Amino acid sequence: MARGESSKRGCGQRYGTATGLGVLGFFCLGFGLVLLQTLPGLLRQQVAKNTRIDPDSAMYTLWKDLPVPFYISFYFMEVMNSKDVLLGAKPVVSQRGPYVYREYRQKKNITFHSNDTVSFLGYRSFVFEPDRSNGSESDYIMMPNLLVLGAAVMLENMPFAVKLTFSSALALFRQNAFMNRTVGEIIWGYNEPFTQFLSSLGVTVGPSNEKFGLFSDLNNSHTGLFTVFTGKDNINKTHMVDSWNGLKKVSYWHSEECNMINGTAGELWPPFMTPSSSVELYTPDACRSIKLNYTQSGKFKGIPVYRYTAPKTLFANGTVYPPNEGFCPCRQSGIQNISSCKLNAPIFISQPHFLNADPALLDTVDGLHPNEKDHDLFVDIHPLTGIPMNCSVKIQLNLFIKHVSGIWQTGQIKPVVLPLIWFSESGEVVGEVLRDYYTHLITIPSLLEYLKFCLMGLGGLLLLAAGLVGLRSKRKTATRTLQTPDRPEASETSPLLQEDPTITVHDSSNT
């Protein structure tokens, strides 16, 4: 009986093992299938929750005070033959720089509205970075004098007496066509008695009458009141501009399309992007919206990104690209006249070194060497969240100069669009911020992705093991059943028939 009971216990244990493996296998397989079905939706839900502009969202602090180190690099196009240019020679320029500044961004006056929008003022401040620069702020640069050459073009159609009076005033204040100023003065401004004199007459010659410089109003200032969608009601509209300074469109240009305020403020984009997603931004510096094109997919330090670059027609004239006709009056293709939003000064913007511009522009100035590697702009965006991982936006400022009769300071200058300065505003996610991004955007989703397949695979193996254990148990039970006889074997004698030694058997033949 002991041997039979032991066999039954072994059989029961094997059945219990098979059942346990089966239950565990079904659990792992089921959980893996549940993750397979629900994980994409859960991930999308978490991304939507954390990328919208909400004080309770994980990325609100990032949106409010960008922790990404931004830098703006200035490159000056120094005029090497200013005296010859006054005599009608072709300008020769030489690039100086970069002069690099750390850019700090912060949003103030944040106000949430009931229509799923939020308003803010985006402030910027700049600190010079000597270690990143090729020179110092005290370097002297020979540059065109905007007060002379810019104003001369603006006054070209005025009566001769007005131009002569203006020229005399320039002479009185010792203003010449070209000036030799320091980097700091050209960028951030300098005290100019002539501008103060004009201001006393009620004439404004720049964005600020305190100092005159190319970017005198940029430091410690904001770019206007932006009102953008929070994404609370529609995640696809997150960060999209609703209005700028209360305007739904600007009035600088000559077509409805060119005056539209499209895209974001240029810092973040809506999540869940695809290669066909539209990437646009409104930039007050250029007084217009800019649309970028998807070019390729790649990775930035292990994080998947889509790269967007400027189309070659970005600053094309209306002849080359008809939709840009609204930005005219135009000159050669590749430069855009922004005088209508820059106090009518003859300022043109372009890509650095006239990249993607009419070759005729390069024929009028020596010393320019355009190439896409150094002069094209790009933005690398993580498509799941709409966060730029790496970007470099590059714009060149140019001044149209020429001889203007009645203003003798213009000499015999031939008409030319002369590059003044180009700048690159760049930033990339680094350090602790990058590590946090990588953990939350790559590591955790990847682990969950692997987990669901591992659970499904483990569940399948456990079910297979359960089946094998159960099958083996059945085979052993069947084998023992076959080996058990229906009656005693011949070699075994019934106890009743066994010979008792005490009994004597008599032979009947002897009786």
Protein backbone atom coordinates (compact mmCIF):
# COMPACT_ATOMS: atom_id res chain seq x y z
CA MET A 1 0.00 0.00 0.00
CA ALA A 2 2.92 2.38 0.72
CA ARG A 3 4.26 2.12 -2.82
CA GLY A 4 0.84 2.82 -4.38
CA GLU A 5 0.19 5.77 -2.18
CA SER A 6 3.63 7.23 -3.06
CA SER A 7 2.84 6.93 -6.75
CA LYS A 8 -0.48 8.67 -6.32
CA ARG A 9 1.18 11.51 -4.38
CA GLY A 10 3.80 11.97 -7.14
CA CYS A 11 1.08 12.03 -9.76
CA GLY A 12 -0.85 14.64 -7.78
CA GLN A 13 2.23 16.82 -7.37
CA ARG A 14 2.89 16.74 -11.09
CA TYR A 15 -0.70 17.72 -11.82
CA GLY A 16 -0.40 20.55 -9.28
CA THR A 17 2.81 21.76 -10.89
CA ALA A 18 1.24 21.70 -14.33
CA THR A 19 -1.79 23.62 -13.07
CA GLY A 20 0.39 26.23 -11.35
CA LEU A 21 2.53 26.69 -14.45
CA GLY A 22 -0.58 26.99 -16.57
CA VAL A 23 -2.18 29.62 -14.35
CA LEU A 24 1.06 31.63 -14.18
CA GLY A 25 1.51 31.31 -17.94
CA PHE A 26 -2.02 32.54 -18.63
CA PHE A 27 -1.44 35.48 -16.25
CA CYS A 28 1.84 36.53 -17.91
CA LEU A 29 0.45 36.10 -21.41
CA GLY A 30 -2.73 37.99 -20.53
CA PHE A 31 -0.85 40.83 -18.85
CA GLY A 32 1.49 41.08 -21.85
CA LEU A 33 -1.48 41.24 -24.23
CA VAL A 34 -3.13 43.89 -22.07
CA LEU A 35 0.06 45.97 -22.21
CA LEU A 36 0.23 45.43 -25.95
CA GLN A 37 -3.24 46.88 -26.36
CA THR A 38 -3.18 49.63 -23.74
CA LEU A 39 0.44 50.81 -23.51
CA PRO A 40 0.35 53.11 -26.58
CA GLY A 41 -2.83 54.74 -25.32
CA LEU A 42 -1.47 55.14 -21.78
CA LEU A 43 1.76 56.64 -23.10
CA ARG A 44 -0.15 59.04 -25.33
CA GLN A 45 -2.39 59.99 -22.41
CA GLN A 46 0.61 60.77 -20.19
CA VAL A 47 2.32 62.79 -22.93
CA ALA A 48 -0.85 64.81 -23.53
CA LYS A 49 -1.24 65.42 -19.80
CA ASN A 50 2.35 66.61 -19.32
CA THR A 51 2.91 68.65 -22.48
CA ARG A 52 -0.09 70.96 -22.22
CA ILE A 53 0.47 74.34 -20.57
CA ASP A 54 -0.86 73.71 -17.10
CA PRO A 55 0.69 74.58 -13.70
CA ASP A 56 -0.01 70.98 -12.68
CA SER A 57 1.77 69.44 -15.68
CA ALA A 58 5.28 68.04 -15.43
CA MET A 59 6.64 70.34 -18.12
CA TYR A 60 5.13 73.62 -16.95
CA THR A 61 8.38 74.70 -15.27
CA LEU A 62 10.31 73.92 -18.45
CA TRP A 63 7.89 76.02 -20.49
CA LYS A 64 7.96 78.92 -18.02
CA ASP A 65 11.72 79.13 -17.52
CA LEU A 66 13.55 77.27 -20.26
CA PRO A 67 16.48 75.41 -18.64
CA VAL A 68 18.10 74.82 -22.02
CA PRO A 69 21.27 76.90 -22.54
CA PHE A 70 20.71 79.20 -25.53
CA TYR A 71 23.48 81.16 -27.21
CA ILE A 72 23.39 83.92 -29.79
CA SER A 73 26.49 84.30 -31.95
CA PHE A 74 27.12 87.48 -33.94
CA TYR A 75 29.25 87.56 -37.09
CA PHE A 76 30.18 90.98 -38.46
CA MET A 77 30.81 91.59 -42.14
CA GLU A 78 33.54 94.22 -41.83
CA VAL A 79 34.05 96.51 -44.85
CA MET A 80 37.72 96.34 -45.80
CA ASN A 81 37.74 99.08 -48.48
CA SER A 82 35.34 101.74 -47.23
CA LYS A 83 37.22 104.63 -48.94
CA ASP A 84 37.14 102.83 -52.27
CA VAL A 85 33.43 102.06 -51.89
CA LEU A 86 32.77 105.82 -51.60
CA LEU A 87 34.51 106.18 -54.97
CA GLY A 88 32.27 103.53 -56.59
CA ALA A 89 34.29 100.34 -55.98
CA LYS A 90 32.79 96.96 -55.18
CA PRO A 91 32.63 96.38 -51.40
CA VAL A 92 35.01 93.80 -49.96
CA VAL A 93 33.89 92.30 -46.68
CA SER A 94 35.60 90.04 -44.16
CA GLN A 95 33.74 88.02 -41.54
CA ARG A 96 34.64 88.76 -37.90
CA GLY A 97 33.55 86.69 -34.94
CA PRO A 98 31.76 84.90 -33.55
CA TYR A 99 30.96 87.12 -30.59
CA VAL A 100 28.90 84.82 -28.39
CA TYR A 101 26.38 85.66 -25.69
CA ARG A 102 24.57 83.33 -23.32
CA GLU A 103 20.86 83.92 -23.70
CA TYR A 104 18.49 83.61 -20.76
CA ARG A 105 14.75 83.31 -21.38
CA GLN A 106 11.93 83.76 -18.92
CA LYS A 107 8.19 84.24 -19.22
CA LYS A 108 6.48 86.90 -17.13
CA ASN A 109 2.95 88.26 -16.74
CA ILE A 110 1.55 84.77 -17.32
CA THR A 111 -2.24 84.97 -17.49
CA PHE A 112 -4.60 82.05 -18.17
CA HIS A 113 -7.86 82.73 -20.00
CA SER A 114 -11.15 80.85 -20.12
CA ASN A 115 -10.87 80.07 -23.86
CA ASP A 116 -8.00 77.56 -23.48
CA THR A 117 -5.30 80.22 -23.99
CA VAL A 118 -2.55 81.79 -21.91
CA SER A 119 -0.77 85.12 -22.40
CA PHE A 120 2.82 85.94 -21.49
CA LEU A 121 5.74 88.25 -22.14
CA GLY A 122 8.90 86.42 -23.17
CA TYR A 123 11.90 88.25 -21.74
CA ARG A 124 15.47 87.75 -22.94
CA SER A 125 18.77 88.82 -21.42
CA PHE A 126 22.32 88.31 -22.69
CA VAL A 127 25.73 87.84 -21.07
CA PHE A 128 28.96 87.87 -23.08
CA GLU A 129 30.86 84.55 -23.21
CA PRO A 130 34.58 85.29 -23.80
CA ASP A 131 35.59 81.61 -23.88
CA ARG A 132 33.21 80.89 -26.76
CA SER A 133 34.03 84.06 -28.68
CA ASN A 134 36.69 84.89 -31.22
CA GLY A 135 37.40 88.37 -29.93
CA SER A 136 36.08 90.78 -27.31
CA GLU A 137 33.31 93.36 -27.09
CA SER A 138 35.96 96.07 -27.33
CA ASP A 139 37.04 95.02 -30.85
CA TYR A 140 36.60 97.79 -33.44
CA ILE A 141 34.69 97.02 -36.65
CA MET A 142 34.41 99.18 -39.79
CA MET A 143 30.71 99.22 -40.62
CA PRO A 144 28.24 101.25 -42.71
CA ASN A 145 26.71 104.09 -40.71
CA LEU A 146 22.95 103.50 -40.72
CA LEU A 147 22.31 107.08 -39.65
CA VAL A 148 23.89 108.27 -42.89
CA LEU A 149 23.43 105.59 -45.53
CA GLY A 150 20.08 104.30 -44.30
CA ALA A 151 18.58 107.74 -43.84
CA ALA A 152 19.92 108.86 -47.23
CA VAL A 153 17.91 106.19 -49.06
CA MET A 154 14.84 107.04 -46.97
CA LEU A 155 15.15 110.72 -48.01
CA GLU A 156 15.95 110.04 -51.69
CA ASN A 157 12.57 111.30 -52.94
CA MET A 158 12.42 114.29 -50.63
CA PRO A 159 12.97 117.85 -51.97
CA PHE A 160 16.59 118.73 -52.66
CA ALA A 161 16.53 121.43 -49.96
CA VAL A 162 15.53 118.86 -47.33
CA LYS A 163 18.35 116.53 -48.36
CA LEU A 164 20.86 119.37 -48.36
CA THR A 165 19.75 120.42 -44.88
CA PHE A 166 20.09 116.84 -43.68
CA SER A 167 23.55 116.57 -45.19
CA SER A 168 24.61 119.78 -43.47
CA ALA A 169 23.35 118.46 -40.14
CA LEU A 170 25.37 115.29 -40.68
CA ALA A 171 28.46 117.36 -41.31
CA LEU A 172 27.80 119.43 -38.20
CA PHE A 173 27.70 116.30 -36.07
CA ARG A 174 30.68 114.78 -37.97
CA GLN A 175 28.73 111.83 -39.33
CA ASN A 176 30.37 109.87 -42.16
CA ALA A 177 29.16 107.06 -44.42
CA PHE A 178 31.23 104.47 -42.54
CA MET A 179 31.97 104.27 -38.84
CA ASN A 180 34.59 102.49 -36.76
CA ARG A 181 32.80 101.32 -33.61
CA THR A 182 33.27 98.57 -31.03
CA VAL A 183 31.34 95.31 -31.10
CA GLY A 184 29.46 96.23 -27.93
CA GLU A 185 28.45 99.61 -29.33
CA ILE A 186 27.24 98.26 -32.66
CA ILE A 187 25.14 95.53 -31.03
CA TRP A 188 23.80 97.16 -27.88
CA GLY A 189 23.95 100.80 -28.86
CA TYR A 190 25.90 103.95 -28.10
CA ASN A 191 25.08 107.51 -27.17
CA GLU A 192 24.86 109.51 -30.39
CA PRO A 193 24.36 113.30 -30.18
CA PHE A 194 22.91 113.35 -33.69
CA THR A 195 20.05 110.97 -32.80
CA GLN A 196 19.35 112.99 -29.68
CA PHE A 197 19.22 116.13 -31.82
CA LEU A 198 16.74 114.49 -34.20
CA SER A 199 14.71 113.25 -31.25
CA SER A 200 14.42 116.84 -30.02
CA LEU A 201 12.92 117.67 -33.41
CA GLY A 202 10.42 114.84 -33.07
CA VAL A 203 12.22 112.56 -35.58
CA THR A 204 12.61 108.89 -34.60
CA VAL A 205 15.52 107.09 -36.26
CA GLY A 206 15.55 103.86 -34.32
CA PRO A 207 13.63 101.68 -31.89
CA SER A 208 15.11 103.61 -28.98
CA ASN A 209 16.14 107.24 -28.70
CA GLU A 210 18.38 106.55 -25.70
CA LYS A 211 21.00 104.58 -27.60
CA PHE A 212 21.49 103.77 -31.25
CA GLY A 213 22.50 100.20 -32.15
CA LEU A 214 21.42 97.24 -34.22
CA PHE A 215 19.96 95.40 -31.19
CA SER A 216 19.72 98.22 -28.67
CA ASP A 217 16.23 97.16 -27.55
CA LEU A 218 16.91 93.42 -27.42
CA ASN A 219 18.63 92.99 -24.05
CA ASN A 220 16.39 92.76 -20.97
CA SER A 221 13.30 93.21 -23.10
CA HIS A 222 10.43 91.09 -24.40
CA THR A 223 9.26 90.14 -27.89
CA GLY A 224 5.67 91.27 -27.45
CA LEU A 225 2.59 89.83 -25.79
CA PHE A 226 2.01 86.29 -27.07
CA THR A 227 -1.28 84.51 -26.47
CA VAL A 228 -1.06 80.79 -27.18
CA PHE A 229 -3.31 77.76 -26.76
CA THR A 230 -2.71 75.65 -23.66
CA GLY A 231 -3.79 72.36 -25.26
CA LYS A 232 -6.23 71.58 -22.45
CA ASP A 233 -9.19 71.28 -24.82
CA ASN A 234 -7.27 70.32 -27.96
CA ILE A 235 -3.79 68.86 -27.56
CA ASN A 236 -3.05 69.43 -31.25
CA LYS A 237 -3.20 73.21 -30.70
CA THR A 238 -0.74 73.28 -27.79
CA HIS A 239 1.68 76.26 -28.05
CA MET A 240 0.02 77.51 -31.25
CA VAL A 241 -0.25 81.32 -31.36
CA ASP A 242 -3.74 82.73 -30.99
CA SER A 243 -2.61 86.38 -31.13
CA TRP A 244 0.44 88.61 -30.82
CA ASN A 245 0.07 91.98 -29.13
CA GLY A 246 -3.66 91.40 -29.44
CA LEU A 247 -3.44 90.95 -33.21
CA LYS A 248 -4.70 87.94 -35.15
CA LYS A 249 -2.65 89.12 -38.13
CA VAL A 250 -0.13 91.87 -38.86
CA SER A 251 -0.49 94.68 -41.37
CA TYR A 252 3.09 95.07 -42.62
CA TRP A 253 2.59 93.19 -45.89
CA HIS A 254 0.41 93.29 -48.99
CA SER A 255 -1.41 89.96 -48.91
CA GLU A 256 -3.62 88.10 -46.47
CA GLU A 257 -1.32 85.08 -46.51
CA CYS A 258 1.84 87.06 -45.73
CA ASN A 259 0.16 88.91 -42.85
CA MET A 260 -1.03 85.73 -41.12
CA ILE A 261 0.36 84.84 -37.69
CA ASN A 262 0.91 81.10 -37.94
CA GLY A 263 2.62 78.44 -35.86
CA THR A 264 4.10 78.73 -32.39
CA ALA A 265 6.35 81.26 -30.68
CA GLY A 266 9.31 79.13 -31.77
CA GLU A 267 10.12 77.36 -28.49
CA LEU A 268 7.84 74.29 -28.40
CA TRP A 269 5.43 72.54 -30.76
CA PRO A 270 2.35 70.31 -30.30
CA PRO A 271 3.07 66.63 -29.48
CA PHE A 272 2.44 63.56 -31.65
CA MET A 273 4.14 64.92 -34.76
CA THR A 274 4.53 63.07 -38.05
CA PRO A 275 6.79 63.90 -41.01
CA SER A 276 3.80 65.60 -42.62
CA SER A 277 3.12 67.81 -39.58
CA SER A 278 3.32 71.53 -40.24
CA VAL A 279 6.15 73.29 -38.39
CA GLU A 280 5.72 77.05 -38.35
CA LEU A 281 6.70 79.87 -36.04
CA TYR A 282 5.97 83.56 -35.81
CA THR A 283 9.10 85.67 -35.27
CA PRO A 284 8.67 89.34 -34.35
CA ASP A 285 12.30 89.98 -35.35
CA ALA A 286 11.43 89.15 -38.97
CA CYS A 287 7.84 90.50 -38.67
CA ARG A 288 6.44 87.36 -40.26
CA SER A 289 5.71 83.67 -39.93
CA ILE A 290 8.24 81.13 -41.15
CA LYS A 291 7.36 77.62 -42.29
CA LEU A 292 9.97 74.86 -42.11
CA ASN A 293 10.15 71.63 -44.12
CA TYR A 294 10.74 68.10 -42.83
CA THR A 295 14.00 66.79 -44.26
CA GLN A 296 14.98 63.64 -42.38
CA SER A 297 14.61 61.49 -39.27
CA GLY A 298 17.55 60.92 -36.98
CA LYS A 299 18.68 60.82 -33.37
CA PHE A 300 20.04 63.46 -31.04
CA LYS A 301 22.15 61.77 -28.37
CA GLY A 302 19.96 58.68 -28.56
CA ILE A 303 16.61 60.51 -28.70
CA PRO A 304 14.66 60.19 -31.99
CA VAL A 305 14.09 63.52 -33.74
CA TYR A 306 12.70 64.97 -36.95
CA ARG A 307 14.88 67.59 -38.62
CA TYR A 308 13.20 70.62 -40.16
CA THR A 309 15.01 73.17 -42.30
CA ALA A 310 14.13 76.35 -44.16
CA PRO A 311 12.85 75.95 -47.73
CA LYS A 312 15.05 77.42 -50.42
CA THR A 313 12.18 79.78 -51.25
CA LEU A 314 12.05 81.25 -47.72
CA PHE A 315 13.18 84.71 -48.87
CA ALA A 316 12.54 84.28 -52.59
CA ASN A 317 10.92 87.20 -54.40
CA GLY A 318 7.44 87.08 -55.95
CA THR A 319 8.79 86.24 -59.40
CA VAL A 320 10.53 83.06 -58.22
CA TYR A 321 7.88 82.14 -55.63
CA PRO A 322 4.49 83.83 -56.22
CA PRO A 323 3.16 83.39 -52.63
CA ASN A 324 5.93 85.77 -51.51
CA GLU A 325 4.64 88.57 -53.73
CA GLY A 326 2.94 90.01 -50.66
CA PHE A 327 6.36 90.76 -49.11
CA CYS A 328 7.32 93.00 -52.03
CA PRO A 329 8.50 95.51 -53.23
CA CYS A 330 11.30 93.07 -53.90
CA ARG A 331 14.78 93.17 -55.30
CA GLN A 332 16.78 90.06 -56.19
CA SER A 333 15.46 86.73 -54.99
CA GLY A 334 16.79 85.52 -51.64
CA ILE A 335 16.46 88.79 -49.73
CA GLN A 336 13.31 90.16 -48.11
CA ASN A 337 12.55 93.82 -47.66
CA ILE A 338 11.47 94.44 -44.04
CA SER A 339 11.50 98.24 -44.19
CA SER A 340 7.73 98.32 -43.61
CA CYS A 341 8.22 97.01 -40.06
CA LYS A 342 11.57 98.72 -39.39
CA LEU A 343 10.59 102.41 -39.55
CA ASN A 344 11.05 102.37 -43.36
CA ALA A 345 14.80 101.86 -43.07
CA PRO A 346 16.15 100.05 -46.19
CA ILE A 347 16.82 96.83 -44.26
CA PHE A 348 16.71 93.41 -45.92
CA ILE A 349 16.93 90.00 -44.27
CA SER A 350 18.40 86.89 -45.86
CA GLN A 351 20.18 83.71 -45.02
CA PRO A 352 23.86 84.22 -44.09
CA HIS A 353 26.24 84.98 -46.96
CA PHE A 354 23.20 85.16 -49.28
CA LEU A 355 22.65 81.39 -49.13
CA ASN A 356 19.94 80.30 -51.62
CA ALA A 357 19.84 83.83 -53.06
CA ASP A 358 20.22 85.16 -56.59
CA PRO A 359 23.91 84.74 -57.60
CA ALA A 360 23.83 88.36 -58.77
CA LEU A 361 23.97 89.41 -55.11
CA LEU A 362 27.29 87.61 -54.69
CA ASP A 363 28.66 89.39 -57.75
CA THR A 364 28.18 92.80 -56.10
CA VAL A 365 30.12 91.99 -52.90
CA ASP A 366 33.45 90.20 -52.49
CA GLY A 367 34.21 88.00 -49.48
CA LEU A 368 31.01 85.94 -49.20
CA HIS A 369 31.12 82.13 -49.15
CA PRO A 370 27.65 80.60 -48.65
CA ASN A 371 27.34 76.92 -47.69
CA GLU A 372 24.52 74.92 -46.14
CA LYS A 373 26.63 73.43 -43.34
CA ASP A 374 27.47 76.80 -41.79
CA HIS A 375 24.57 78.97 -42.92
CA ASP A 376 21.38 76.90 -43.13
CA LEU A 377 18.94 76.93 -40.21
CA PHE A 378 17.47 73.79 -38.66
CA VAL A 379 15.36 72.52 -35.77
CA ASP A 380 15.52 68.93 -34.43
CA ILE A 381 12.21 68.10 -32.73
CA HIS A 382 11.30 65.04 -30.65
CA PRO A 383 8.08 64.05 -32.47
CA LEU A 384 6.30 62.43 -29.51
CA THR A 385 6.45 65.55 -27.31
CA GLY A 386 7.13 68.41 -29.75
CA ILE A 387 10.22 69.44 -27.75
CA PRO A 388 13.19 70.81 -29.78
CA MET A 389 16.31 68.90 -28.83
CA ASN A 390 18.69 70.95 -30.94
CA CYS A 391 18.25 74.07 -33.06
CA SER A 392 20.14 76.83 -34.84
CA VAL A 393 18.24 79.74 -36.40
CA LYS A 394 20.40 81.97 -38.62
CA ILE A 395 19.45 85.33 -40.13
CA GLN A 396 21.51 88.02 -41.86
CA LEU A 397 20.78 91.76 -41.79
CA ASN A 398 21.61 93.73 -44.93
CA LEU A 399 21.49 97.43 -45.76
CA PHE A 400 20.68 98.81 -49.20
CA ILE A 401 23.09 101.68 -49.90
CA LYS A 402 23.59 103.99 -52.87
CA HIS A 403 24.61 107.50 -53.91
CA VAL A 404 21.84 110.01 -53.15
CA SER A 405 22.14 113.41 -54.75
CA GLY A 406 22.08 116.25 -52.24
CA ILE A 407 23.64 114.13 -49.48
CA TRP A 408 27.34 114.43 -50.21
CA GLN A 409 28.31 111.88 -47.52
CA THR A 410 27.10 109.12 -49.87
CA GLY A 411 29.91 109.88 -52.33
CA GLN A 412 29.70 107.79 -55.50
CA ILE A 413 28.46 104.59 -53.86
CA LYS A 414 26.96 102.23 -56.39
CA PRO A 415 23.61 100.59 -55.49
CA VAL A 416 24.32 97.44 -53.49
CA VAL A 417 22.68 95.32 -50.80
CA LEU A 418 25.53 95.20 -48.29
CA PRO A 419 25.66 92.53 -45.55
CA LEU A 420 26.01 94.05 -42.08
CA ILE A 421 25.85 91.21 -39.60
CA TRP A 422 24.43 87.73 -39.28
CA PHE A 423 23.54 85.90 -36.11
CA SER A 424 22.88 82.34 -35.05
CA GLU A 425 20.50 81.67 -32.17
CA SER A 426 21.15 78.11 -31.05
CA GLY A 427 20.44 75.77 -28.18
CA GLU A 428 20.54 72.09 -27.35
CA VAL A 429 19.31 69.97 -24.47
CA VAL A 430 22.27 68.94 -22.32
CA GLY A 431 23.25 67.79 -18.82
CA GLU A 432 20.66 66.84 -16.24
CA VAL A 433 17.77 67.97 -18.43
CA LEU A 434 18.95 65.65 -21.20
CA ARG A 435 19.29 62.76 -18.73
CA ASP A 436 15.76 63.36 -17.45
CA TYR A 437 14.43 63.50 -21.01
CA TYR A 438 16.26 60.31 -21.91
CA THR A 439 14.93 58.50 -18.83
CA HIS A 440 11.31 59.51 -19.37
CA LEU A 441 11.21 59.56 -23.16
CA ILE A 442 13.44 56.61 -24.02
CA THR A 443 14.37 54.37 -21.09
CA ILE A 444 10.99 53.93 -19.39
CA PRO A 445 8.95 53.52 -22.63
CA SER A 446 11.58 51.07 -23.93
CA LEU A 447 11.46 49.01 -20.71
CA LEU A 448 7.68 48.87 -20.91
CA GLU A 449 7.93 47.90 -24.56
CA TYR A 450 10.35 45.09 -23.73
CA LEU A 451 8.27 44.09 -20.70
CA LYS A 452 5.13 43.38 -22.69
CA PHE A 453 6.98 41.13 -25.14
CA CYS A 454 8.91 39.41 -22.33
CA LEU A 455 5.66 38.72 -20.46
CA MET A 456 4.06 37.33 -23.60
CA GLY A 457 7.10 35.15 -24.30
CA LEU A 458 7.34 33.98 -20.68
CA GLY A 459 3.62 33.22 -20.64
CA GLY A 460 3.96 31.10 -23.75
CA LEU A 461 6.92 29.17 -22.29
CA LEU A 462 5.09 28.55 -19.00
CA LEU A 463 2.03 27.24 -20.85
CA LEU A 464 4.26 24.98 -22.90
CA ALA A 465 5.99 23.73 -19.74
CA ALA A 466 2.61 23.12 -18.10
CA GLY A 467 1.51 21.10 -21.10
CA LEU A 468 4.67 19.01 -21.08
CA VAL A 469 4.45 18.31 -17.34
CA GLY A 470 0.79 17.32 -17.66
CA LEU A 471 1.49 15.08 -20.66
CA ARG A 472 4.37 13.35 -18.87
CA SER A 473 2.16 12.74 -15.81
CA LYS A 474 -0.53 11.15 -17.97
CA ARG A 475 2.00 8.88 -19.69
CA LYS A 476 3.38 7.60 -16.37
CA THR A 477 -0.15 6.90 -15.06
CA ALA A 478 -0.99 4.97 -18.21
CA THR A 479 2.25 2.96 -17.96
CA ARG A 480 1.55 1.84 -14.37
CA THR A 481 -2.00 0.85 -15.30
CA LEU A 482 -0.71 -1.45 -18.05
CA GLN A 483 1.84 -3.09 -15.73
CA THR A 484 -0.79 -4.02 -13.02
CA PRO A 485 -2.18 -7.80 -13.59
CA ASP A 486 -5.88 -8.84 -13.34
CA ARG A 487 -4.95 -12.04 -11.31
CA PRO A 488 -1.91 -13.40 -9.48
CA GLU A 489 1.01 -14.50 -11.61
CA ALA A 490 1.86 -18.24 -11.95
CA SER A 491 4.96 -17.85 -9.90
CA GLU A 492 2.87 -16.79 -6.95
CA THR A 493 0.83 -19.37 -4.93
CA SER A 494 -2.33 -18.60 -3.11
CA PRO A 495 -1.81 -18.62 0.60
CA LEU A 496 -4.57 -21.13 0.90
CA LEU A 497 -2.74 -23.56 -1.34
CA GLN A 498 0.68 -23.20 0.20
CA GLU A 499 2.09 -26.43 1.69
CA ASP A 500 1.88 -26.72 5.44
CA PRO A 501 4.88 -28.66 6.72
CA THR A 502 2.87 -30.07 9.59
CA ILE A 503 0.51 -32.02 7.34
CA THR A 504 1.53 -35.51 6.12
CA VAL A 505 0.34 -36.60 2.75
CA HIS A 506 -0.39 -40.31 2.45
CA ASP A 507 0.03 -42.34 -0.73
CA SER A 508 -3.27 -44.19 -1.37
CA SER A 509 -1.47 -46.95 -3.23
CA ASN A 510 0.11 -48.09 -0.03
CA THR A 511 -3.17 -48.49 1.81
